[in-house]
Amino acid sequence: MKLPRRRFLHLVAVALGAPAMLRTANAQAYPARPVRIVLGFAPGGAPDIAARLVAQWLSERLGQQFIVENRPGAGGNIATEAVIESLADGYTLLMAGLWNAVNATLYEKLKFDFIRDVAPVASVSRENYGLEVQPTFPARTVPEFIAYAKANPGKLNMASAGNGTGPHMAGELFKVMAGVDMVHIAYRGSPPALTDLIAGQVQLTFGPLSSSIEFVKTGKLRALGVTSPTRLDVLPDVPAVAEFVPGYEASGWYGVCVPAKTPAEIVDRLNQEINAGLADAKLKARFAEVGSTVFVNSPSGFAKHIADETEKWGKVVRAANLRAD
């Protein structure tokens, strides 16, 4: 049977438009089942807090459970590799962070290229750190701390959440810019590092405020300075390290990524929903309470941020001659 020309052209148009219509329908139906947010660090630390705030918001917003799955190890690389190797269907997300930018240089052999193998979805928050010591530590200010460290080279143990993490890199940048020699002690996350600092097993940490601020407020730890460019409203009496070490700034960051081939419609949907959360007054307040600030971006803007951070911290890794071991 020969179709009239108008009918034929209509069928062709429908056929050509079907894939786009299907993608739109899939994005609108997403998510149809629970979604995992994989994180490369143990529960209780700053990245975990950020991941759970996002998971709660998305669960309430989209009507499906977003479940945080902690898969610690290898500086976050185990979790990153697991997500990259998963189906690119939007049901396995990665809570990424500064460690991913650092690891590109810190590790000589990775099974993946982070910038190539993920699709950035949305930035979430910036993490500020505090230069924290015990209340009995001899120095009470950043200048006094620098003087003490210079008088005792190699005798101060600096705890961190692990190699390549924000606390580690904040400390390494401080060492380079302040000209001090301190020994790095890597832990499997911030909670055990803070526990040992309180117990006196180590002398200092650049603690993520989201997991250490209560220790500071209750007097179990003393914050000599914060790593943000200026003072923070949540700790107004604590100076910025930059007031004494000009140009110093070290901010961690967290964001959501997916495998590189995830449909753009799902990436855009997740970006829209996460950004809606970051604009919500209650969620913004919850981040602020723990010393973090929301960090809104488009997928392309977040991709640029990751590239810039990879370059910045790669220079620090090389300058400090750091190795993953």
C-alpha atoms as a PDB file:
ATOM      1  CA  MET A   1       0.000   0.000   0.000  1.00  0.00           C
ATOM      2  CA  LYS A   2       1.362   3.378  -0.965  1.00  0.00           C
ATOM      3  CA  LEU A   3       1.087   6.010   1.775  1.00  0.00           C
ATOM      4  CA  PRO A   4       0.043   9.554   0.926  1.00  0.00           C
ATOM      5  CA  ARG A   5       3.015  11.903   1.006  1.00  0.00           C
ATOM      6  CA  ARG A   6       1.696  13.882   3.995  1.00  0.00           C
ATOM      7  CA  ARG A   7       1.118  10.691   6.004  1.00  0.00           C
ATOM      8  CA  PHE A   8       4.581   9.420   5.079  1.00  0.00           C
ATOM      9  CA  LEU A   9       6.293  12.627   6.174  1.00  0.00           C
ATOM     10  CA  HIS A  10       4.351  12.548   9.439  1.00  0.00           C
ATOM     11  CA  LEU A  11       5.554   9.011  10.215  1.00  0.00           C
ATOM     12  CA  VAL A  12       9.140   9.991   9.419  1.00  0.00           C
ATOM     13  CA  ALA A  13       8.910  12.950  11.778  1.00  0.00           C
ATOM     14  CA  VAL A  14       7.493  10.760  14.524  1.00  0.00           C
ATOM     15  CA  ALA A  15      10.260   8.207  14.034  1.00  0.00           C
ATOM     16  CA  LEU A  16      12.964  10.870  14.162  1.00  0.00           C
ATOM     17  CA  GLY A  17      11.469  12.446  17.258  1.00  0.00           C
ATOM     18  CA  ALA A  18      10.878   9.187  19.125  1.00  0.00           C
ATOM     19  CA  PRO A  19      14.359   8.921  20.696  1.00  0.00           C
ATOM     20  CA  ALA A  20      14.131  12.446  22.109  1.00  0.00           C
ATOM     21  CA  MET A  21      10.621  11.770  23.397  1.00  0.00           C
ATOM     22  CA  LEU A  22      11.836   8.531  24.988  1.00  0.00           C
ATOM     23  CA  ARG A  23      14.777  10.297  26.658  1.00  0.00           C
ATOM     24  CA  THR A  24      12.449  12.956  28.023  1.00  0.00           C
ATOM     25  CA  ALA A  25      10.052  10.317  29.325  1.00  0.00           C
ATOM     26  CA  ASN A  26      12.905   8.397  30.962  1.00  0.00           C
ATOM     27  CA  ALA A  27      14.200  11.535  32.661  1.00  0.00           C
ATOM     28  CA  GLN A  28      10.728  12.373  33.947  1.00  0.00           C
ATOM     29  CA  ALA A  29      10.280   8.826  35.254  1.00  0.00           C
ATOM     30  CA  TYR A  30      13.691   8.855  36.944  1.00  0.00           C
ATOM     31  CA  PRO A  31      14.261   7.553  39.532  1.00  0.00           C
ATOM     32  CA  ALA A  32      12.078   4.456  39.410  1.00  0.00           C
ATOM     33  CA  ARG A  33      14.018   2.614  42.116  1.00  0.00           C
ATOM     34  CA  PRO A  34      16.468   3.393  44.951  1.00  0.00           C
ATOM     35  CA  VAL A  35      19.705   5.196  44.044  1.00  0.00           C
ATOM     36  CA  ARG A  36      23.136   4.651  45.604  1.00  0.00           C
ATOM     37  CA  ILE A  37      25.492   7.504  46.473  1.00  0.00           C
ATOM     38  CA  VAL A  38      28.909   5.895  46.823  1.00  0.00           C
ATOM     39  CA  LEU A  39      31.469   7.583  49.075  1.00  0.00           C
ATOM     40  CA  GLY A  40      35.098   6.600  49.515  1.00  0.00           C
ATOM     41  CA  PHE A  41      35.306   7.362  53.249  1.00  0.00           C
ATOM     42  CA  ALA A  42      33.932   5.987  56.508  1.00  0.00           C
ATOM     43  CA  PRO A  43      30.730   7.224  58.174  1.00  0.00           C
ATOM     44  CA  GLY A  44      30.876  10.240  60.458  1.00  0.00           C
ATOM     45  CA  GLY A  45      33.409  12.363  58.588  1.00  0.00           C
ATOM     46  CA  ALA A  46      32.840  15.589  56.691  1.00  0.00           C
ATOM     47  CA  PRO A  47      32.246  13.972  53.260  1.00  0.00           C
ATOM     48  CA  ASP A  48      29.742  11.585  54.842  1.00  0.00           C
ATOM     49  CA  ILE A  49      27.834  14.466  56.432  1.00  0.00           C
ATOM     50  CA  ALA A  50      27.587  16.246  53.070  1.00  0.00           C
ATOM     51  CA  ALA A  51      26.523  13.052  51.283  1.00  0.00           C
ATOM     52  CA  ARG A  52      23.772  12.328  53.800  1.00  0.00           C
ATOM     53  CA  LEU A  53      22.390  15.852  53.643  1.00  0.00           C
ATOM     54  CA  VAL A  54      22.139  15.546  49.859  1.00  0.00           C
ATOM     55  CA  ALA A  55      20.702  12.017  50.060  1.00  0.00           C
ATOM     56  CA  GLN A  56      17.977  13.116  52.474  1.00  0.00           C
ATOM     57  CA  TRP A  57      17.009  16.055  50.280  1.00  0.00           C
ATOM     58  CA  LEU A  58      16.854  13.972  47.079  1.00  0.00           C
ATOM     59  CA  SER A  59      14.908  11.194  48.817  1.00  0.00           C
ATOM     60  CA  GLU A  60      12.262  13.643  49.985  1.00  0.00           C
ATOM     61  CA  ARG A  61      12.241  15.528  46.695  1.00  0.00           C
ATOM     62  CA  LEU A  62      12.099  12.611  44.250  1.00  0.00           C
ATOM     63  CA  GLY A  63      10.176   9.999  46.210  1.00  0.00           C
ATOM     64  CA  GLN A  64      12.840   7.293  46.042  1.00  0.00           C
ATOM     65  CA  GLN A  65      15.492   6.385  48.570  1.00  0.00           C
ATOM     66  CA  PHE A  66      18.959   7.795  47.913  1.00  0.00           C
ATOM     67  CA  ILE A  67      21.220   5.589  50.009  1.00  0.00           C
ATOM     68  CA  VAL A  68      24.773   6.510  51.025  1.00  0.00           C
ATOM     69  CA  GLU A  69      27.138   3.574  50.581  1.00  0.00           C
ATOM     70  CA  ASN A  70      30.504   3.985  52.327  1.00  0.00           C
ATOM     71  CA  ARG A  71      33.351   2.211  50.516  1.00  0.00           C
ATOM     72  CA  PRO A  72      36.550   3.536  52.122  1.00  0.00           C
ATOM     73  CA  GLY A  73      40.055   2.780  50.946  1.00  0.00           C
ATOM     74  CA  ALA A  74      42.893   3.966  48.700  1.00  0.00           C
ATOM     75  CA  GLY A  75      42.123   7.636  49.266  1.00  0.00           C
ATOM     76  CA  GLY A  76      38.677   7.360  47.717  1.00  0.00           C
ATOM     77  CA  ASN A  77      39.882   5.513  44.624  1.00  0.00           C
ATOM     78  CA  ILE A  78      38.027   2.270  45.417  1.00  0.00           C
ATOM     79  CA  ALA A  79      34.689   4.055  45.481  1.00  0.00           C
ATOM     80  CA  THR A  80      35.524   6.120  42.408  1.00  0.00           C
ATOM     81  CA  GLU A  81      36.499   3.063  40.380  1.00  0.00           C
ATOM     82  CA  ALA A  82      33.345   1.212  41.470  1.00  0.00           C
ATOM     83  CA  VAL A  83      31.131   4.041  40.223  1.00  0.00           C
ATOM     84  CA  ILE A  84      33.022   4.475  36.947  1.00  0.00           C
ATOM     85  CA  GLU A  85      32.606   0.739  36.242  1.00  0.00           C
ATOM     86  CA  SER A  86      28.886   0.730  37.093  1.00  0.00           C
ATOM     87  CA  LEU A  87      26.024   1.074  34.615  1.00  0.00           C
ATOM     88  CA  ALA A  88      25.649   4.627  33.349  1.00  0.00           C
ATOM     89  CA  ASP A  89      21.951   4.734  34.182  1.00  0.00           C
ATOM     90  CA  GLY A  90      21.797   7.303  36.987  1.00  0.00           C
ATOM     91  CA  TYR A  91      21.337   4.763  39.768  1.00  0.00           C
ATOM     92  CA  THR A  92      24.924   4.831  41.009  1.00  0.00           C
ATOM     93  CA  LEU A  93      26.246   8.272  41.955  1.00  0.00           C
ATOM     94  CA  LEU A  94      29.641   9.277  43.333  1.00  0.00           C
ATOM     95  CA  MET A  95      30.142  11.778  46.119  1.00  0.00           C
ATOM     96  CA  ALA A  96      33.341  13.264  44.757  1.00  0.00           C
ATOM     97  CA  GLY A  97      35.672  15.717  46.395  1.00  0.00           C
ATOM     98  CA  LEU A  98      39.025  17.417  46.452  1.00  0.00           C
ATOM     99  CA  TRP A  99      40.731  14.029  46.867  1.00  0.00           C
ATOM    100  CA  ASN A 100      39.754  13.117  43.302  1.00  0.00           C
ATOM    101  CA  ALA A 101      41.592  16.185  41.984  1.00  0.00           C
ATOM    102  CA  VAL A 102      44.621  15.415  44.166  1.00  0.00           C
ATOM    103  CA  ASN A 103      44.780  11.703  43.340  1.00  0.00           C
ATOM    104  CA  ALA A 104      45.274  12.418  39.648  1.00  0.00           C
ATOM    105  CA  THR A 105      48.845  13.461  40.531  1.00  0.00           C
ATOM    106  CA  LEU A 106      49.355  11.706  43.871  1.00  0.00           C
ATOM    107  CA  TYR A 107      48.879   8.203  42.411  1.00  0.00           C
ATOM    108  CA  GLU A 108      51.198   7.184  39.605  1.00  0.00           C
ATOM    109  CA  LYS A 109      48.979   4.366  38.313  1.00  0.00           C
ATOM    110  CA  LEU A 110      45.205   4.617  38.406  1.00  0.00           C
ATOM    111  CA  LYS A 111      42.836   2.379  36.485  1.00  0.00           C
ATOM    112  CA  PHE A 112      40.810   5.409  35.444  1.00  0.00           C
ATOM    113  CA  ASP A 113      41.140   9.014  34.336  1.00  0.00           C
ATOM    114  CA  PHE A 114      38.768  10.919  36.591  1.00  0.00           C
ATOM    115  CA  ILE A 115      38.166  13.880  34.268  1.00  0.00           C
ATOM    116  CA  ARG A 116      37.599  11.591  31.278  1.00  0.00           C
ATOM    117  CA  ASP A 117      35.575   8.865  32.965  1.00  0.00           C
ATOM    118  CA  VAL A 118      32.985  10.807  34.970  1.00  0.00           C
ATOM    119  CA  ALA A 119      30.263  13.275  34.133  1.00  0.00           C
ATOM    120  CA  PRO A 120      30.094  16.063  36.729  1.00  0.00           C
ATOM    121  CA  VAL A 121      26.509  16.592  37.892  1.00  0.00           C
ATOM    122  CA  ALA A 122      26.512  19.268  40.575  1.00  0.00           C
ATOM    123  CA  SER A 123      28.794  20.780  43.158  1.00  0.00           C
ATOM    124  CA  VAL A 124      27.356  20.649  46.677  1.00  0.00           C
ATOM    125  CA  SER A 125      29.414  22.450  49.299  1.00  0.00           C
ATOM    126  CA  ARG A 126      32.754  23.910  50.229  1.00  0.00           C
ATOM    127  CA  GLU A 127      34.455  22.582  53.348  1.00  0.00           C
ATOM    128  CA  ASN A 128      36.496  24.846  55.588  1.00  0.00           C
ATOM    129  CA  TYR A 129      39.222  23.506  57.879  1.00  0.00           C
ATOM    130  CA  GLY A 130      40.575  24.607  61.203  1.00  0.00           C
ATOM    131  CA  LEU A 131      44.208  24.481  62.316  1.00  0.00           C
ATOM    132  CA  GLU A 132      43.376  22.625  65.524  1.00  0.00           C
ATOM    133  CA  VAL A 133      45.467  21.648  68.547  1.00  0.00           C
ATOM    134  CA  GLN A 134      44.866  20.506  72.109  1.00  0.00           C
ATOM    135  CA  PRO A 135      43.952  23.222  74.636  1.00  0.00           C
ATOM    136  CA  THR A 136      47.292  22.631  76.388  1.00  0.00           C
ATOM    137  CA  PHE A 137      49.393  23.157  73.247  1.00  0.00           C
ATOM    138  CA  PRO A 138      52.086  25.821  73.888  1.00  0.00           C
ATOM    139  CA  ALA A 139      51.073  28.053  70.972  1.00  0.00           C
ATOM    140  CA  ARG A 140      47.863  30.056  71.143  1.00  0.00           C
ATOM    141  CA  THR A 141      48.092  31.906  67.812  1.00  0.00           C
ATOM    142  CA  VAL A 142      49.160  31.068  64.269  1.00  0.00           C
ATOM    143  CA  PRO A 143      52.392  33.116  64.530  1.00  0.00           C
ATOM    144  CA  GLU A 144      53.234  31.365  67.809  1.00  0.00           C
ATOM    145  CA  PHE A 145      52.481  28.015  66.184  1.00  0.00           C
ATOM    146  CA  ILE A 146      54.784  28.753  63.246  1.00  0.00           C
ATOM    147  CA  ALA A 147      57.559  29.832  65.617  1.00  0.00           C
ATOM    148  CA  TYR A 148      57.117  26.670  67.696  1.00  0.00           C
ATOM    149  CA  ALA A 149      57.133  24.437  64.614  1.00  0.00           C
ATOM    150  CA  LYS A 150      60.301  26.088  63.307  1.00  0.00           C
ATOM    151  CA  ALA A 151      61.955  25.579  66.684  1.00  0.00           C
ATOM    152  CA  ASN A 152      60.935  21.907  66.650  1.00  0.00           C
ATOM    153  CA  PRO A 153      61.386  20.721  63.044  1.00  0.00           C
ATOM    154  CA  GLY A 154      60.001  17.254  62.360  1.00  0.00           C
ATOM    155  CA  LYS A 155      58.676  16.877  65.918  1.00  0.00           C
ATOM    156  CA  LEU A 156      55.041  17.777  65.304  1.00  0.00           C
ATOM    157  CA  ASN A 157      52.735  15.022  64.075  1.00  0.00           C
ATOM    158  CA  MET A 158      49.978  16.284  61.789  1.00  0.00           C
ATOM    159  CA  ALA A 159      46.942  14.002  61.571  1.00  0.00           C
ATOM    160  CA  SER A 160      44.739  13.888  58.501  1.00  0.00           C
ATOM    161  CA  ALA A 161      41.793  11.945  57.114  1.00  0.00           C
ATOM    162  CA  GLY A 162      44.165  10.146  54.716  1.00  0.00           C
ATOM    163  CA  ASN A 163      46.620  10.726  51.901  1.00  0.00           C
ATOM    164  CA  GLY A 164      45.345  13.233  49.384  1.00  0.00           C
ATOM    165  CA  THR A 165      42.363  14.348  51.463  1.00  0.00           C
ATOM    166  CA  GLY A 166      41.529  17.983  52.102  1.00  0.00           C
ATOM    167  CA  PRO A 167      43.008  18.020  55.631  1.00  0.00           C
ATOM    168  CA  HIS A 168      46.233  16.504  54.298  1.00  0.00           C
ATOM    169  CA  MET A 169      46.549  18.994  51.451  1.00  0.00           C
ATOM    170  CA  ALA A 170      45.638  21.954  53.670  1.00  0.00           C
ATOM    171  CA  GLY A 171      48.519  20.909  55.910  1.00  0.00           C
ATOM    172  CA  GLU A 172      50.951  20.394  53.063  1.00  0.00           C
ATOM    173  CA  LEU A 173      50.146  23.809  51.610  1.00  0.00           C
ATOM    174  CA  PHE A 174      50.656  25.338  55.051  1.00  0.00           C
ATOM    175  CA  LYS A 175      54.027  23.611  55.392  1.00  0.00           C
ATOM    176  CA  VAL A 176      55.188  24.996  52.050  1.00  0.00           C
ATOM    177  CA  MET A 177      53.920  28.544  52.587  1.00  0.00           C
ATOM    178  CA  ALA A 178      54.876  28.871  56.270  1.00  0.00           C
ATOM    179  CA  GLY A 179      58.225  27.110  55.849  1.00  0.00           C
ATOM    180  CA  VAL A 180      57.709  24.521  58.588  1.00  0.00           C
ATOM    181  CA  ASP A 181      58.511  20.816  58.809  1.00  0.00           C
ATOM    182  CA  MET A 182      55.805  18.565  60.238  1.00  0.00           C
ATOM    183  CA  VAL A 183      55.261  14.802  59.988  1.00  0.00           C
ATOM    184  CA  HIS A 184      52.079  13.698  58.257  1.00  0.00           C
ATOM    185  CA  ILE A 185      50.107  10.866  59.919  1.00  0.00           C
ATOM    186  CA  ALA A 186      47.345   9.469  57.701  1.00  0.00           C
ATOM    187  CA  TYR A 187      44.189   8.011  59.230  1.00  0.00           C
ATOM    188  CA  ARG A 188      41.194   6.286  57.674  1.00  0.00           C
ATOM    189  CA  GLY A 189      38.938   9.309  57.966  1.00  0.00           C
ATOM    190  CA  SER A 190      38.599  12.382  60.170  1.00  0.00           C
ATOM    191  CA  PRO A 191      36.889  10.763  63.206  1.00  0.00           C
ATOM    192  CA  PRO A 192      39.877   8.590  64.233  1.00  0.00           C
ATOM    193  CA  ALA A 193      42.274  11.476  63.519  1.00  0.00           C
ATOM    194  CA  LEU A 194      40.285  13.752  65.821  1.00  0.00           C
ATOM    195  CA  THR A 195      40.083  11.031  68.478  1.00  0.00           C
ATOM    196  CA  ASP A 196      43.861  10.675  68.564  1.00  0.00           C
ATOM    197  CA  LEU A 197      44.351  14.439  68.610  1.00  0.00           C
ATOM    198  CA  ILE A 198      42.058  14.807  71.618  1.00  0.00           C
ATOM    199  CA  ALA A 199      43.925  11.927  73.289  1.00  0.00           C
ATOM    200  CA  GLY A 200      47.284  13.593  72.658  1.00  0.00           C
ATOM    201  CA  GLN A 201      48.626  10.953  70.278  1.00  0.00           C
ATOM    202  CA  VAL A 202      49.242  13.635  67.624  1.00  0.00           C
ATOM    203  CA  GLN A 203      49.789  17.371  67.978  1.00  0.00           C
ATOM    204  CA  LEU A 204      47.588  18.968  65.314  1.00  0.00           C
ATOM    205  CA  THR A 205      45.217  18.538  62.439  1.00  0.00           C
ATOM    206  CA  PHE A 206      43.592  20.673  59.802  1.00  0.00           C
ATOM    207  CA  GLY A 207      40.196  19.413  60.842  1.00  0.00           C
ATOM    208  CA  PRO A 208      37.109  19.644  58.621  1.00  0.00           C
ATOM    209  CA  LEU A 209      34.834  21.940  60.575  1.00  0.00           C
ATOM    210  CA  SER A 210      31.743  19.886  59.786  1.00  0.00           C
ATOM    211  CA  SER A 211      33.139  17.058  61.913  1.00  0.00           C
ATOM    212  CA  SER A 212      35.313  19.008  64.389  1.00  0.00           C
ATOM    213  CA  ILE A 213      33.469  22.229  65.175  1.00  0.00           C
ATOM    214  CA  GLU A 214      31.679  20.804  68.222  1.00  0.00           C
ATOM    215  CA  PHE A 215      35.043  19.846  69.747  1.00  0.00           C
ATOM    216  CA  VAL A 216      36.174  23.431  69.216  1.00  0.00           C
ATOM    217  CA  LYS A 217      33.000  24.928  70.665  1.00  0.00           C
ATOM    218  CA  THR A 218      33.134  22.681  73.747  1.00  0.00           C
ATOM    219  CA  GLY A 219      36.816  23.386  74.384  1.00  0.00           C
ATOM    220  CA  LYS A 220      38.146  19.903  73.665  1.00  0.00           C
ATOM    221  CA  LEU A 221      40.186  21.400  70.828  1.00  0.00           C
ATOM    222  CA  ARG A 222      41.509  24.898  70.146  1.00  0.00           C
ATOM    223  CA  ALA A 223      41.271  26.328  66.646  1.00  0.00           C
ATOM    224  CA  LEU A 224      44.194  28.668  65.973  1.00  0.00           C
ATOM    225  CA  GLY A 225      42.984  29.626  62.523  1.00  0.00           C
ATOM    226  CA  VAL A 226      40.616  28.714  59.705  1.00  0.00           C
ATOM    227  CA  THR A 227      41.709  27.937  56.156  1.00  0.00           C
ATOM    228  CA  SER A 228      39.103  30.110  54.402  1.00  0.00           C
ATOM    229  CA  PRO A 229      40.310  33.421  52.924  1.00  0.00           C
ATOM    230  CA  THR A 230      38.468  35.356  55.653  1.00  0.00           C
ATOM    231  CA  ARG A 231      36.944  34.637  59.054  1.00  0.00           C
ATOM    232  CA  LEU A 232      33.799  32.528  59.277  1.00  0.00           C
ATOM    233  CA  ASP A 233      30.522  33.593  60.861  1.00  0.00           C
ATOM    234  CA  VAL A 234      30.326  30.262  62.669  1.00  0.00           C
ATOM    235  CA  LEU A 235      33.676  30.959  64.445  1.00  0.00           C
ATOM    236  CA  PRO A 236      33.972  34.761  64.364  1.00  0.00           C
ATOM    237  CA  ASP A 237      36.748  34.954  66.961  1.00  0.00           C
ATOM    238  CA  VAL A 238      39.047  32.573  65.081  1.00  0.00           C
ATOM    239  CA  PRO A 239      41.270  34.378  62.566  1.00  0.00           C
ATOM    240  CA  ALA A 240      41.946  33.178  59.046  1.00  0.00           C
ATOM    241  CA  VAL A 241      45.384  31.629  58.589  1.00  0.00           C
ATOM    242  CA  ALA A 242      45.728  34.051  55.655  1.00  0.00           C
ATOM    243  CA  GLU A 243      45.889  36.945  58.128  1.00  0.00           C
ATOM    244  CA  PHE A 244      49.372  35.678  59.034  1.00  0.00           C
ATOM    245  CA  VAL A 245      50.351  33.655  55.939  1.00  0.00           C
ATOM    246  CA  PRO A 246      49.336  35.954  53.040  1.00  0.00           C
ATOM    247  CA  GLY A 247      47.681  34.150  50.163  1.00  0.00           C
ATOM    248  CA  TYR A 248      47.011  30.959  52.073  1.00  0.00           C
ATOM    249  CA  GLU A 249      43.655  29.328  51.276  1.00  0.00           C
ATOM    250  CA  ALA A 250      42.600  25.699  51.369  1.00  0.00           C
ATOM    251  CA  SER A 251      38.985  24.755  50.879  1.00  0.00           C
ATOM    252  CA  GLY A 252      37.667  21.280  50.395  1.00  0.00           C
ATOM    253  CA  TRP A 253      34.642  20.689  48.218  1.00  0.00           C
ATOM    254  CA  TYR A 254      32.086  17.993  47.572  1.00  0.00           C
ATOM    255  CA  GLY A 255      29.933  17.270  44.568  1.00  0.00           C
ATOM    256  CA  VAL A 256      28.037  14.569  42.720  1.00  0.00           C
ATOM    257  CA  CYS A 257      29.360  12.786  39.636  1.00  0.00           C
ATOM    258  CA  VAL A 258      28.139   9.849  37.541  1.00  0.00           C
ATOM    259  CA  PRO A 259      29.735   7.544  34.956  1.00  0.00           C
ATOM    260  CA  ALA A 260      30.672   9.430  31.810  1.00  0.00           C
ATOM    261  CA  LYS A 261      28.011   7.959  29.520  1.00  0.00           C
ATOM    262  CA  THR A 262      25.055   8.692  31.770  1.00  0.00           C
ATOM    263  CA  PRO A 263      22.240  10.276  29.697  1.00  0.00           C
ATOM    264  CA  ALA A 264      22.400  14.065  29.703  1.00  0.00           C
ATOM    265  CA  GLU A 265      18.715  14.243  30.634  1.00  0.00           C
ATOM    266  CA  ILE A 266      19.385  12.446  33.917  1.00  0.00           C
ATOM    267  CA  VAL A 267      22.462  14.582  34.626  1.00  0.00           C
ATOM    268  CA  ASP A 268      20.403  17.729  34.076  1.00  0.00           C
ATOM    269  CA  ARG A 269      17.543  16.424  36.239  1.00  0.00           C
ATOM    270  CA  LEU A 270      19.883  15.655  39.126  1.00  0.00           C
ATOM    271  CA  ASN A 271      21.592  19.024  38.767  1.00  0.00           C
ATOM    272  CA  GLN A 272      18.236  20.792  38.875  1.00  0.00           C
ATOM    273  CA  GLU A 273      17.089  18.908  41.979  1.00  0.00           C
ATOM    274  CA  ILE A 274      20.377  19.279  43.869  1.00  0.00           C
ATOM    275  CA  ASN A 275      20.534  23.001  43.099  1.00  0.00           C
ATOM    276  CA  ALA A 276      16.966  23.353  44.341  1.00  0.00           C
ATOM    277  CA  GLY A 277      18.154  21.880  47.629  1.00  0.00           C
ATOM    278  CA  LEU A 278      21.108  24.225  47.836  1.00  0.00           C
ATOM    279  CA  ALA A 279      18.700  27.139  47.419  1.00  0.00           C
ATOM    280  CA  ASP A 280      16.498  25.855  50.248  1.00  0.00           C
ATOM    281  CA  ALA A 281      16.935  27.972  53.382  1.00  0.00           C
ATOM    282  CA  LYS A 282      16.768  25.020  55.788  1.00  0.00           C
ATOM    283  CA  LEU A 283      19.365  22.957  53.934  1.00  0.00           C
ATOM    284  CA  LYS A 284      21.660  25.980  53.555  1.00  0.00           C
ATOM    285  CA  ALA A 285      21.376  26.538  57.305  1.00  0.00           C
ATOM    286  CA  ARG A 286      22.297  22.937  58.052  1.00  0.00           C
ATOM    287  CA  PHE A 287      25.471  23.273  55.997  1.00  0.00           C
ATOM    288  CA  ALA A 288      26.271  26.595  57.677  1.00  0.00           C
ATOM    289  CA  GLU A 289      25.854  25.086  61.141  1.00  0.00           C
ATOM    290  CA  VAL A 290      28.812  22.795  60.483  1.00  0.00           C
ATOM    291  CA  GLY A 291      31.012  25.458  58.929  1.00  0.00           C
ATOM    292  CA  SER A 292      30.327  24.595  55.291  1.00  0.00           C
ATOM    293  CA  THR A 293      28.932  26.775  52.535  1.00  0.00           C
ATOM    294  CA  VAL A 294      26.736  25.619  49.680  1.00  0.00           C
ATOM    295  CA  PHE A 295      28.412  25.586  46.294  1.00  0.00           C
ATOM    296  CA  VAL A 296      26.013  25.905  43.339  1.00  0.00           C
ATOM    297  CA  ASN A 297      27.127  25.128  39.812  1.00  0.00           C
ATOM    298  CA  SER A 298      26.028  23.801  36.438  1.00  0.00           C
ATOM    299  CA  PRO A 299      27.459  20.485  35.181  1.00  0.00           C
ATOM    300  CA  SER A 300      29.856  22.392  32.900  1.00  0.00           C
ATOM    301  CA  GLY A 301      30.796  24.820  35.663  1.00  0.00           C
ATOM    302  CA  PHE A 302      31.513  21.943  38.022  1.00  0.00           C
ATOM    303  CA  ALA A 303      33.627  20.270  35.330  1.00  0.00           C
ATOM    304  CA  LYS A 304      35.741  23.419  35.025  1.00  0.00           C
ATOM    305  CA  HIS A 305      36.126  23.582  38.798  1.00  0.00           C
ATOM    306  CA  ILE A 306      37.392  19.986  38.877  1.00  0.00           C
ATOM    307  CA  ALA A 307      39.906  20.735  36.119  1.00  0.00           C
ATOM    308  CA  ASP A 308      41.142  23.872  37.903  1.00  0.00           C
ATOM    309  CA  GLU A 309      41.485  22.039  41.222  1.00  0.00           C
ATOM    310  CA  THR A 310      43.348  19.169  39.568  1.00  0.00           C
ATOM    311  CA  GLU A 311      45.902  21.653  38.249  1.00  0.00           C
ATOM    312  CA  LYS A 312      46.176  23.604  41.541  1.00  0.00           C
ATOM    313  CA  TRP A 313      46.715  20.641  43.817  1.00  0.00           C
ATOM    314  CA  GLY A 314      48.892  18.826  41.315  1.00  0.00           C
ATOM    315  CA  LYS A 315      51.384  21.665  41.770  1.00  0.00           C
ATOM    316  CA  VAL A 316      51.283  21.220  45.564  1.00  0.00           C
ATOM    317  CA  VAL A 317      51.792  17.458  45.282  1.00  0.00           C
ATOM    318  CA  ARG A 318      54.811  17.961  43.074  1.00  0.00           C
ATOM    319  CA  ALA A 319      56.252  20.807  45.169  1.00  0.00           C
ATOM    320  CA  ALA A 320      55.982  18.732  48.349  1.00  0.00           C
ATOM    321  CA  ASN A 321      57.194  15.604  46.547  1.00  0.00           C
ATOM    322  CA  LEU A 322      54.233  13.600  47.880  1.00  0.00           C
ATOM    323  CA  ARG A 323      53.639   9.922  47.189  1.00  0.00           C
ATOM    324  CA  ALA A 324      50.528   7.814  47.720  1.00  0.00           C
ATOM    325  CA  ASP A 325      52.365   5.468  50.064  1.00  0.00           C
END
